[in-house]
């Protein structure tokens, strides 16, 4: 079993509670708009980090983290991309890839809207952890924590950090 902490849209903002809430996690995944190399560095120093760059990320973050990260963990095919849309309305930049070879888990950010939904059409779990930073229209900052155990998703939790 692997425990995962997911966040997105930090926009360069650091909160020590990221580490507190991800303390029992084996890995951290950042779904883009990291905002600064320092945020990524602090997360990566704490736990192994899978991350993608987002539309606001500068060259330093873009050189370190790809636009798309596809990998397998616990027998589960995972795809992370910052701009992804949502079930029924996937972004044009990822739609074809999802329909040709859907992952078992698709993680994205960008919207600042927390959403966890099972896409029956693609037989895929969709997770957008909302926004963990203070910039944007969202009212509450959120993180997601869950476990993958040999292809099964377990113990999914939404963590509200506070109002902005």
Protein backbone atom coordinates (compact mmCIF):
# COMPACT_ATOMS: atom_id res chain seq x y z
CA UNK A 1 0.00 0.00 0.00
CA UNK A 2 1.25 3.47 -0.93
CA UNK A 3 -0.12 6.61 0.72
CA UNK A 4 -0.30 9.69 -1.51
CA UNK A 5 -0.74 13.38 -0.78
CA UNK A 6 -1.97 15.53 -3.68
CA UNK A 7 -1.94 19.30 -4.02
CA UNK A 8 -2.13 21.83 -6.81
CA UNK A 9 -2.05 25.53 -7.52
CA UNK A 10 0.27 26.59 -4.72
CA UNK A 11 1.33 29.56 -6.87
CA UNK A 12 4.58 29.90 -4.93
CA UNK A 13 2.87 29.91 -1.53
CA UNK A 14 4.30 27.70 1.21
CA UNK A 15 2.34 26.42 4.21
CA UNK A 16 4.08 24.22 6.79
CA UNK A 17 0.80 22.30 7.13
CA UNK A 18 1.51 20.64 3.77
CA UNK A 19 4.18 18.61 5.56
CA UNK A 20 2.00 18.04 8.62
CA UNK A 21 -0.86 16.63 6.56
CA UNK A 22 1.44 14.61 4.30
CA UNK A 23 3.55 13.26 7.15
CA UNK A 24 2.18 9.71 6.83
CA UNK A 25 2.30 9.80 3.01
CA UNK A 26 4.88 7.87 1.02
CA UNK A 27 4.75 10.25 -1.97
CA UNK A 28 3.52 13.73 -2.83
CA UNK A 29 1.99 14.63 -6.19
CA UNK A 30 1.71 18.26 -7.32
CA UNK A 31 -0.69 18.89 -10.22
CA UNK A 32 0.90 22.11 -11.45
CA UNK A 33 1.08 25.86 -10.95
CA UNK A 34 3.78 25.21 -8.40
CA UNK A 35 4.79 28.83 -8.69
CA UNK A 36 8.38 28.60 -7.50
CA UNK A 37 11.28 26.24 -7.55
CA UNK A 38 11.53 26.61 -3.75
CA UNK A 39 8.07 25.10 -3.15
CA UNK A 40 8.93 22.10 -5.31
CA UNK A 41 12.31 21.73 -3.63
CA UNK A 42 10.80 21.71 -0.12
CA UNK A 43 8.19 19.11 -1.10
CA UNK A 44 10.80 16.92 -2.84
CA UNK A 45 13.11 17.12 0.19
CA UNK A 46 10.27 15.81 2.38
CA UNK A 47 8.93 12.95 0.23
CA UNK A 48 9.40 11.62 -3.32
CA UNK A 49 7.61 14.09 -5.59
CA UNK A 50 5.75 13.60 -8.85
CA UNK A 51 4.95 17.02 -10.29
CA UNK A 52 3.99 18.72 -13.53
CA UNK A 53 4.34 22.35 -14.48
CA UNK A 54 1.33 24.57 -14.94
CA UNK A 55 0.51 27.59 -17.02
CA UNK A 56 1.94 30.10 -14.49
CA UNK A 57 5.21 28.25 -13.92
CA UNK A 58 8.42 29.84 -15.11
CA UNK A 59 11.37 28.31 -16.89
CA UNK A 60 13.05 26.97 -13.75
CA UNK A 61 10.01 24.84 -12.83
CA UNK A 62 9.31 23.91 -16.46
CA UNK A 63 12.86 22.59 -16.85
CA UNK A 64 12.46 20.35 -13.79
CA UNK A 65 8.89 19.14 -14.25
CA UNK A 66 7.14 18.06 -17.46
CA UNK A 67 3.72 19.08 -18.74
CA UNK A 68 2.55 15.49 -18.38
CA UNK A 69 3.61 12.72 -16.01
CA UNK A 70 2.43 9.17 -16.66
CA UNK A 71 3.64 6.36 -14.42
CA UNK A 72 2.55 3.19 -12.68
CA UNK A 73 2.27 2.69 -8.93
CA UNK A 74 0.78 -0.27 -7.07
CA UNK A 75 -0.33 -1.71 -10.42
CA UNK A 76 -2.21 1.50 -11.22
CA UNK A 77 -1.67 3.60 -14.35
CA UNK A 78 -1.59 7.28 -13.31
CA UNK A 79 -1.63 10.41 -15.47
CA UNK A 80 -1.02 13.91 -14.07
CA UNK A 81 -1.49 17.10 -16.11
CA UNK A 82 -2.20 20.61 -14.90
CA UNK A 83 -4.96 21.59 -17.33
CA UNK A 84 -7.27 18.63 -17.75
CA UNK A 85 -10.88 19.74 -17.58
CA UNK A 86 -13.21 17.30 -15.88
CA UNK A 87 -15.33 14.23 -16.71
CA UNK A 88 -17.61 14.97 -19.62
CA UNK A 89 -15.63 18.13 -20.46
CA UNK A 90 -11.96 17.22 -20.70
CA UNK A 91 -9.62 19.85 -22.06
CA UNK A 92 -8.81 19.54 -25.78
CA UNK A 93 -5.10 19.23 -24.93
CA UNK A 94 -5.65 15.87 -23.18
CA UNK A 95 -8.98 14.54 -24.46
CA UNK A 96 -7.64 12.31 -27.24
CA UNK A 97 -4.95 10.79 -25.02
CA UNK A 98 -7.55 9.98 -22.36
CA UNK A 99 -9.93 8.33 -24.81
CA UNK A 100 -7.26 6.37 -26.72
CA UNK A 101 -5.55 4.99 -23.62
CA UNK A 102 -7.28 6.03 -20.41
CA UNK A 103 -5.30 5.77 -17.19
CA UNK A 104 -6.88 4.27 -14.09
CA UNK A 105 -6.34 7.58 -12.27
CA UNK A 106 -6.25 11.06 -13.80
CA UNK A 107 -5.06 13.94 -11.61
CA UNK A 108 -5.19 17.57 -12.66
CA UNK A 109 -5.43 21.06 -11.21
CA UNK A 110 -5.92 24.51 -12.76
CA UNK A 111 -9.61 25.08 -11.96
CA UNK A 112 -9.04 25.66 -8.20
CA UNK A 113 -12.19 23.56 -7.76
CA UNK A 114 -11.92 20.42 -5.66
CA UNK A 115 -13.50 17.48 -7.47
CA UNK A 116 -13.24 13.73 -7.03
CA UNK A 117 -15.36 11.81 -9.50
CA UNK A 118 -15.45 8.40 -11.07
CA UNK A 119 -15.69 8.57 -14.86
CA UNK A 120 -17.75 5.52 -15.83
CA UNK A 121 -17.17 6.12 -19.54
CA UNK A 122 -13.40 5.76 -19.18
CA UNK A 123 -13.38 3.50 -16.11
CA UNK A 124 -11.13 6.04 -14.44
CA UNK A 125 -10.96 7.95 -11.16
CA UNK A 126 -10.59 11.71 -11.60
CA UNK A 127 -9.07 13.86 -8.85
CA UNK A 128 -8.61 17.61 -8.80
CA UNK A 129 -7.34 18.56 -5.32
CA UNK A 130 -8.48 22.18 -5.62
CA UNK A 131 -5.97 24.89 -4.75
CA UNK A 132 -3.51 24.86 -1.86
CA UNK A 133 -2.20 28.40 -2.38
CA UNK A 134 -3.68 31.80 -1.59
CA UNK A 135 -3.97 33.22 -5.11
CA UNK A 136 -7.15 32.74 -7.11
CA UNK A 137 -10.90 32.85 -6.66
CA UNK A 138 -11.25 29.79 -4.38
CA UNK A 139 -12.46 30.46 -0.85
CA UNK A 140 -11.01 27.39 0.91
CA UNK A 141 -7.56 25.88 0.35
CA UNK A 142 -7.62 22.11 -0.03
CA UNK A 143 -5.41 19.02 -0.23
CA UNK A 144 -6.27 15.39 -0.93
CA UNK A 145 -4.82 12.35 0.78
CA UNK A 146 -5.50 8.70 -0.11
CA UNK A 147 -3.95 5.28 -0.52
CA UNK A 148 -3.48 2.92 -3.44
CA UNK A 149 -3.33 -0.74 -2.52
CA UNK A 150 -2.65 -3.09 -5.44
CA UNK A 151 -4.90 -1.15 -7.80
CA UNK A 152 -7.58 -0.21 -5.27
CA UNK A 153 -8.16 3.34 -4.03
CA UNK A 154 -8.69 3.60 -0.28
CA UNK A 155 -9.14 6.08 2.55
CA UNK A 156 -9.56 9.19 0.42
CA UNK A 157 -9.66 12.34 2.54
CA UNK A 158 -10.16 15.98 1.67
CA UNK A 159 -8.23 18.34 3.91
CA UNK A 160 -9.38 21.93 4.25
CA UNK A 161 -6.53 24.21 5.30
CA UNK A 162 -8.52 27.38 5.94
CA UNK A 163 -10.16 30.22 4.18
CA UNK A 164 -7.76 32.30 2.14
